[in-house]
Amino acid sequence: MVLRGGLWVPALPLIAVPSLTPLCTMEPSDYSSEIQEDWTNRENSETICTSLKTVVEFLNRFHSSCRIRLAEMDNRLKTLERKMDRLDAHTAYNVTIQEQIRRSTAT
């Protein structure tokens, strides 16, 4: 996996190369087994690559979704913080006014 542009993408797949036996030393009956083994290896490699691509696509979608949701949550929290600051300022102002009224009525 390689990080490109903020997204994880699969690196070039590593494909195992079976030991190559010189064709001149092989019997004709061995050709079919070598070919079958090669096809099996290719199918396995293809299955692994497809599975990795599926996982990477899921993770990229999940990452994007989480990023959007976290940005929305951040905006909501900032709005709430501003409202709380405003309420705190109003409360402090009202407390100050009430104290001044008490002092002026007490004297």
N, C-alpha and C. Protein backbone atom coordinates (compact mmCIF):
# COMPACT_ATOMS: atom_id res chain seq x y z
N MET A 1 0.84 -1.17 0.00
CA MET A 1 0.00 0.00 0.00
C MET A 1 0.89 1.24 0.00
N VAL A 2 0.49 2.21 -0.82
CA VAL A 2 1.24 3.45 -0.96
C VAL A 2 0.26 4.60 -0.81
N LEU A 3 0.64 5.63 -0.07
CA LEU A 3 -0.21 6.80 0.11
C LEU A 3 0.03 7.76 -1.03
N ARG A 4 -1.01 8.00 -1.84
CA ARG A 4 -0.90 8.94 -2.96
C ARG A 4 -2.06 9.91 -2.89
N GLY A 5 -1.76 11.20 -2.78
CA GLY A 5 -2.82 12.20 -2.76
C GLY A 5 -3.79 12.04 -1.61
N GLY A 6 -3.34 11.55 -0.48
CA GLY A 6 -4.20 11.37 0.68
C GLY A 6 -5.00 10.09 0.66
N LEU A 7 -4.83 9.26 -0.38
CA LEU A 7 -5.55 7.99 -0.47
C LEU A 7 -4.56 6.85 -0.55
N TRP A 8 -4.94 5.73 0.03
CA TRP A 8 -4.09 4.54 -0.03
C TRP A 8 -4.40 3.80 -1.31
N VAL A 9 -3.38 3.50 -2.08
CA VAL A 9 -3.54 2.73 -3.31
C VAL A 9 -2.59 1.54 -3.25
N PRO A 10 -3.00 0.44 -3.89
CA PRO A 10 -2.11 -0.73 -3.84
C PRO A 10 -0.85 -0.48 -4.65
N ALA A 11 0.25 -0.93 -4.12
CA ALA A 11 1.51 -0.85 -4.85
C ALA A 11 1.46 -1.91 -5.95
N LEU A 12 2.43 -1.87 -6.81
CA LEU A 12 2.47 -2.88 -7.87
C LEU A 12 2.51 -4.26 -7.25
N PRO A 13 1.66 -5.16 -7.74
CA PRO A 13 1.61 -6.49 -7.13
C PRO A 13 2.90 -7.27 -7.38
N LEU A 14 3.28 -8.00 -6.37
CA LEU A 14 4.44 -8.87 -6.49
C LEU A 14 3.94 -10.25 -6.89
N ILE A 15 4.37 -10.72 -8.02
CA ILE A 15 3.93 -12.02 -8.51
C ILE A 15 5.09 -12.99 -8.41
N ALA A 16 4.83 -14.09 -7.73
CA ALA A 16 5.88 -15.10 -7.57
C ALA A 16 6.09 -15.80 -8.90
N VAL A 17 7.34 -15.89 -9.29
CA VAL A 17 7.67 -16.58 -10.54
C VAL A 17 8.13 -17.98 -10.18
N PRO A 18 7.42 -19.00 -10.70
CA PRO A 18 7.84 -20.36 -10.39
C PRO A 18 9.21 -20.65 -10.99
N SER A 19 9.86 -21.62 -10.41
CA SER A 19 11.18 -21.97 -10.94
C SER A 19 11.02 -22.41 -12.39
N LEU A 20 11.81 -21.82 -13.23
CA LEU A 20 11.71 -22.13 -14.66
C LEU A 20 12.61 -23.30 -14.99
N THR A 21 12.00 -24.34 -15.47
CA THR A 21 12.75 -25.51 -15.89
C THR A 21 12.98 -25.39 -17.39
N PRO A 22 14.18 -25.61 -17.84
CA PRO A 22 14.41 -25.53 -19.28
C PRO A 22 13.48 -26.48 -20.03
N LEU A 23 12.87 -25.96 -21.09
CA LEU A 23 11.89 -26.74 -21.84
C LEU A 23 12.50 -27.99 -22.48
N CYS A 24 13.78 -27.92 -22.84
CA CYS A 24 14.39 -29.06 -23.52
C CYS A 24 14.55 -30.26 -22.59
N THR A 25 14.57 -30.05 -21.27
CA THR A 25 14.74 -31.16 -20.34
C THR A 25 13.41 -31.72 -19.85
N MET A 26 12.29 -31.08 -20.26
CA MET A 26 10.99 -31.53 -19.79
C MET A 26 10.37 -32.54 -20.75
N GLU A 27 9.66 -33.46 -20.17
CA GLU A 27 8.89 -34.43 -20.96
C GLU A 27 7.59 -33.75 -21.40
N PRO A 28 7.02 -34.13 -22.52
CA PRO A 28 5.76 -33.53 -22.98
C PRO A 28 4.64 -33.66 -21.95
N SER A 29 4.65 -34.72 -21.16
CA SER A 29 3.60 -34.87 -20.15
C SER A 29 3.74 -33.84 -19.03
N ASP A 30 4.97 -33.33 -18.83
CA ASP A 30 5.21 -32.33 -17.79
C ASP A 30 4.71 -30.94 -18.19
N TYR A 31 4.56 -30.71 -19.51
CA TYR A 31 4.11 -29.40 -19.97
C TYR A 31 2.75 -29.04 -19.38
N SER A 32 1.84 -29.98 -19.42
CA SER A 32 0.50 -29.68 -18.93
C SER A 32 0.50 -29.38 -17.43
N SER A 33 1.32 -30.10 -16.67
CA SER A 33 1.36 -29.82 -15.23
C SER A 33 1.99 -28.45 -14.96
N GLU A 34 3.02 -28.09 -15.72
CA GLU A 34 3.63 -26.77 -15.58
C GLU A 34 2.64 -25.67 -15.95
N ILE A 35 1.92 -25.88 -17.04
CA ILE A 35 0.92 -24.90 -17.48
C ILE A 35 -0.18 -24.78 -16.44
N GLN A 36 -0.65 -25.92 -15.93
CA GLN A 36 -1.70 -25.90 -14.91
C GLN A 36 -1.23 -25.17 -13.65
N GLU A 37 -0.01 -25.45 -13.24
CA GLU A 37 0.55 -24.78 -12.06
C GLU A 37 0.66 -23.27 -12.29
N ASP A 38 1.10 -22.89 -13.50
CA ASP A 38 1.21 -21.48 -13.84
C ASP A 38 -0.16 -20.80 -13.78
N TRP A 39 -1.18 -21.44 -14.34
CA TRP A 39 -2.53 -20.87 -14.31
C TRP A 39 -3.04 -20.74 -12.87
N THR A 40 -2.76 -21.74 -12.07
CA THR A 40 -3.18 -21.70 -10.66
C THR A 40 -2.52 -20.53 -9.95
N ASN A 41 -1.22 -20.35 -10.18
CA ASN A 41 -0.49 -19.23 -9.56
C ASN A 41 -1.05 -17.89 -10.03
N ARG A 42 -1.35 -17.79 -11.31
CA ARG A 42 -1.91 -16.54 -11.85
C ARG A 42 -3.28 -16.25 -11.25
N GLU A 43 -4.10 -17.30 -11.13
CA GLU A 43 -5.43 -17.11 -10.54
C GLU A 43 -5.32 -16.67 -9.08
N ASN A 44 -4.40 -17.27 -8.36
CA ASN A 44 -4.20 -16.88 -6.96
C ASN A 44 -3.73 -15.43 -6.86
N SER A 45 -2.79 -15.06 -7.72
CA SER A 45 -2.30 -13.68 -7.72
C SER A 45 -3.42 -12.71 -8.07
N GLU A 46 -4.23 -13.06 -9.04
CA GLU A 46 -5.35 -12.21 -9.44
C GLU A 46 -6.36 -12.07 -8.31
N THR A 47 -6.63 -13.17 -7.61
CA THR A 47 -7.57 -13.13 -6.48
C THR A 47 -7.04 -12.22 -5.38
N ILE A 48 -5.77 -12.33 -5.08
CA ILE A 48 -5.16 -11.49 -4.05
C ILE A 48 -5.21 -10.02 -4.46
N CYS A 49 -4.87 -9.73 -5.71
CA CYS A 49 -4.88 -8.34 -6.19
C CYS A 49 -6.30 -7.76 -6.15
N THR A 50 -7.27 -8.55 -6.57
CA THR A 50 -8.67 -8.09 -6.54
C THR A 50 -9.12 -7.83 -5.11
N SER A 51 -8.76 -8.72 -4.21
CA SER A 51 -9.13 -8.54 -2.80
C SER A 51 -8.48 -7.29 -2.22
N LEU A 52 -7.22 -7.08 -2.54
CA LEU A 52 -6.53 -5.88 -2.05
C LEU A 52 -7.18 -4.61 -2.60
N LYS A 53 -7.53 -4.62 -3.88
CA LYS A 53 -8.18 -3.45 -4.46
C LYS A 53 -9.51 -3.17 -3.77
N THR A 54 -10.26 -4.23 -3.48
CA THR A 54 -11.54 -4.07 -2.79
C THR A 54 -11.33 -3.45 -1.41
N VAL A 55 -10.36 -3.95 -0.68
CA VAL A 55 -10.07 -3.42 0.66
C VAL A 55 -9.63 -1.96 0.58
N VAL A 56 -8.77 -1.65 -0.38
CA VAL A 56 -8.27 -0.28 -0.54
C VAL A 56 -9.42 0.66 -0.90
N GLU A 57 -10.30 0.23 -1.81
CA GLU A 57 -11.45 1.07 -2.17
C GLU A 57 -12.34 1.32 -0.95
N PHE A 58 -12.58 0.28 -0.16
CA PHE A 58 -13.38 0.45 1.05
C PHE A 58 -12.72 1.43 2.01
N LEU A 59 -11.43 1.26 2.24
CA LEU A 59 -10.72 2.14 3.17
C LEU A 59 -10.72 3.58 2.68
N ASN A 60 -10.58 3.79 1.37
CA ASN A 60 -10.62 5.15 0.83
C ASN A 60 -12.00 5.78 1.00
N ARG A 61 -13.06 5.00 0.75
CA ARG A 61 -14.42 5.51 0.96
C ARG A 61 -14.65 5.82 2.44
N PHE A 62 -14.19 4.92 3.31
CA PHE A 62 -14.33 5.12 4.75
C PHE A 62 -13.60 6.38 5.20
N HIS A 63 -12.38 6.56 4.70
CA HIS A 63 -11.57 7.73 5.03
C HIS A 63 -12.29 9.00 4.61
N SER A 64 -12.81 9.02 3.38
CA SER A 64 -13.52 10.21 2.89
C SER A 64 -14.75 10.48 3.73
N SER A 65 -15.49 9.44 4.04
CA SER A 65 -16.70 9.59 4.84
C SER A 65 -16.37 10.14 6.23
N CYS A 66 -15.36 9.58 6.86
CA CYS A 66 -14.96 10.05 8.20
C CYS A 66 -14.48 11.49 8.15
N ARG A 67 -13.75 11.82 7.11
CA ARG A 67 -13.24 13.18 6.98
C ARG A 67 -14.38 14.18 6.89
N ILE A 68 -15.39 13.86 6.07
CA ILE A 68 -16.54 14.75 5.92
C ILE A 68 -17.29 14.88 7.24
N ARG A 69 -17.53 13.75 7.88
CA ARG A 69 -18.27 13.78 9.15
C ARG A 69 -17.51 14.54 10.23
N LEU A 70 -16.20 14.35 10.29
CA LEU A 70 -15.41 15.07 11.28
C LEU A 70 -15.40 16.57 11.00
N ALA A 71 -15.37 16.96 9.73
CA ALA A 71 -15.42 18.38 9.39
C ALA A 71 -16.76 18.98 9.81
N GLU A 72 -17.85 18.25 9.57
CA GLU A 72 -19.17 18.72 10.00
C GLU A 72 -19.24 18.84 11.52
N MET A 73 -18.71 17.85 12.21
CA MET A 73 -18.71 17.87 13.68
C MET A 73 -17.87 19.05 14.19
N ASP A 74 -16.76 19.31 13.55
CA ASP A 74 -15.90 20.44 13.95
C ASP A 74 -16.65 21.76 13.79
N ASN A 75 -17.38 21.91 12.68
CA ASN A 75 -18.16 23.13 12.48
C ASN A 75 -19.24 23.28 13.54
N ARG A 76 -19.91 22.20 13.87
CA ARG A 76 -20.94 22.25 14.91
C ARG A 76 -20.35 22.63 16.27
N LEU A 77 -19.20 22.02 16.59
CA LEU A 77 -18.55 22.34 17.87
C LEU A 77 -18.12 23.80 17.94
N LYS A 78 -17.60 24.33 16.84
CA LYS A 78 -17.20 25.74 16.82
C LYS A 78 -18.41 26.65 17.02
N THR A 79 -19.53 26.30 16.37
CA THR A 79 -20.75 27.08 16.54
C THR A 79 -21.21 27.04 17.99
N LEU A 80 -21.20 25.85 18.59
CA LEU A 80 -21.61 25.73 20.00
C LEU A 80 -20.67 26.51 20.92
N GLU A 81 -19.38 26.47 20.64
CA GLU A 81 -18.42 27.22 21.46
C GLU A 81 -18.69 28.72 21.39
N ARG A 82 -19.00 29.23 20.18
CA ARG A 82 -19.31 30.65 20.03
C ARG A 82 -20.58 31.01 20.82
N LYS A 83 -21.59 30.14 20.74
CA LYS A 83 -22.83 30.38 21.48
C LYS A 83 -22.57 30.38 22.98
N MET A 84 -21.75 29.42 23.44
CA MET A 84 -21.44 29.36 24.88
C MET A 84 -20.67 30.61 25.32
N ASP A 85 -19.74 31.07 24.50
CA ASP A 85 -19.00 32.29 24.84
C ASP A 85 -19.94 33.48 24.94
N ARG A 86 -20.89 33.56 23.99
CA ARG A 86 -21.86 34.65 24.02
C ARG A 86 -22.73 34.58 25.28
N LEU A 87 -23.21 33.37 25.61
CA LEU A 87 -24.02 33.19 26.82
C LEU A 87 -23.22 33.52 28.08
N ASP A 88 -21.97 33.11 28.09
CA ASP A 88 -21.11 33.40 29.23
C ASP A 88 -20.93 34.91 29.40
N ALA A 89 -20.73 35.60 28.27
CA ALA A 89 -20.56 37.06 28.33
C ALA A 89 -21.85 37.72 28.81
N HIS A 90 -23.01 37.27 28.31
CA HIS A 90 -24.29 37.84 28.75
C HIS A 90 -24.51 37.57 30.24
N THR A 91 -24.20 36.36 30.68
CA THR A 91 -24.37 36.01 32.10
C THR A 91 -23.48 36.88 32.97
N ALA A 92 -22.23 37.03 32.58
CA ALA A 92 -21.30 37.86 33.36
C ALA A 92 -21.79 39.30 33.39
N TYR A 93 -22.29 39.80 32.27
CA TYR A 93 -22.81 41.17 32.21
C TYR A 93 -24.02 41.32 33.14
N ASN A 94 -24.95 40.35 33.08
CA ASN A 94 -26.14 40.41 33.94
C ASN A 94 -25.78 40.34 35.42
N VAL A 95 -24.81 39.51 35.77
CA VAL A 95 -24.37 39.41 37.17
C VAL A 95 -23.79 40.75 37.61
N THR A 96 -23.00 41.38 36.76
CA THR A 96 -22.40 42.67 37.09
C THR A 96 -23.49 43.73 37.29
N ILE A 97 -24.46 43.75 36.39
CA ILE A 97 -25.57 44.71 36.50
C ILE A 97 -26.35 44.48 37.79
N GLN A 98 -26.64 43.22 38.11
CA GLN A 98 -27.39 42.91 39.33
C GLN A 98 -26.61 43.34 40.58
N GLU A 99 -25.30 43.14 40.58
CA GLU A 99 -24.48 43.56 41.72
C GLU A 99 -24.52 45.08 41.86
N GLN A 100 -24.46 45.78 40.74
CA GLN A 100 -24.51 47.24 40.79
C GLN A 100 -25.87 47.71 41.32
N ILE A 101 -26.95 47.03 40.91
CA ILE A 101 -28.29 47.40 41.38
C ILE A 101 -28.39 47.15 42.88
N ARG A 102 -27.87 46.03 43.36
CA ARG A 102 -27.91 45.71 44.80
C ARG A 102 -27.14 46.76 45.60
N ARG A 103 -25.98 47.13 45.10
CA ARG A 103 -25.17 48.13 45.81
C ARG A 103 -25.88 49.48 45.87
N SER A 104 -26.48 49.83 44.74
CA SER A 104 -27.14 51.14 44.71
C SER A 104 -28.40 51.15 45.57
N THR A 105 -29.10 50.02 45.68
CA THR A 105 -30.29 49.97 46.53
C THR A 105 -29.91 49.80 47.99
N ALA A 106 -28.75 49.27 48.26
CA ALA A 106 -28.31 49.06 49.64
C ALA A 106 -27.87 50.36 50.27
N THR A 107 -27.42 51.30 49.49
CA THR A 107 -26.93 52.55 50.07
C THR A 107 -27.96 53.61 50.16
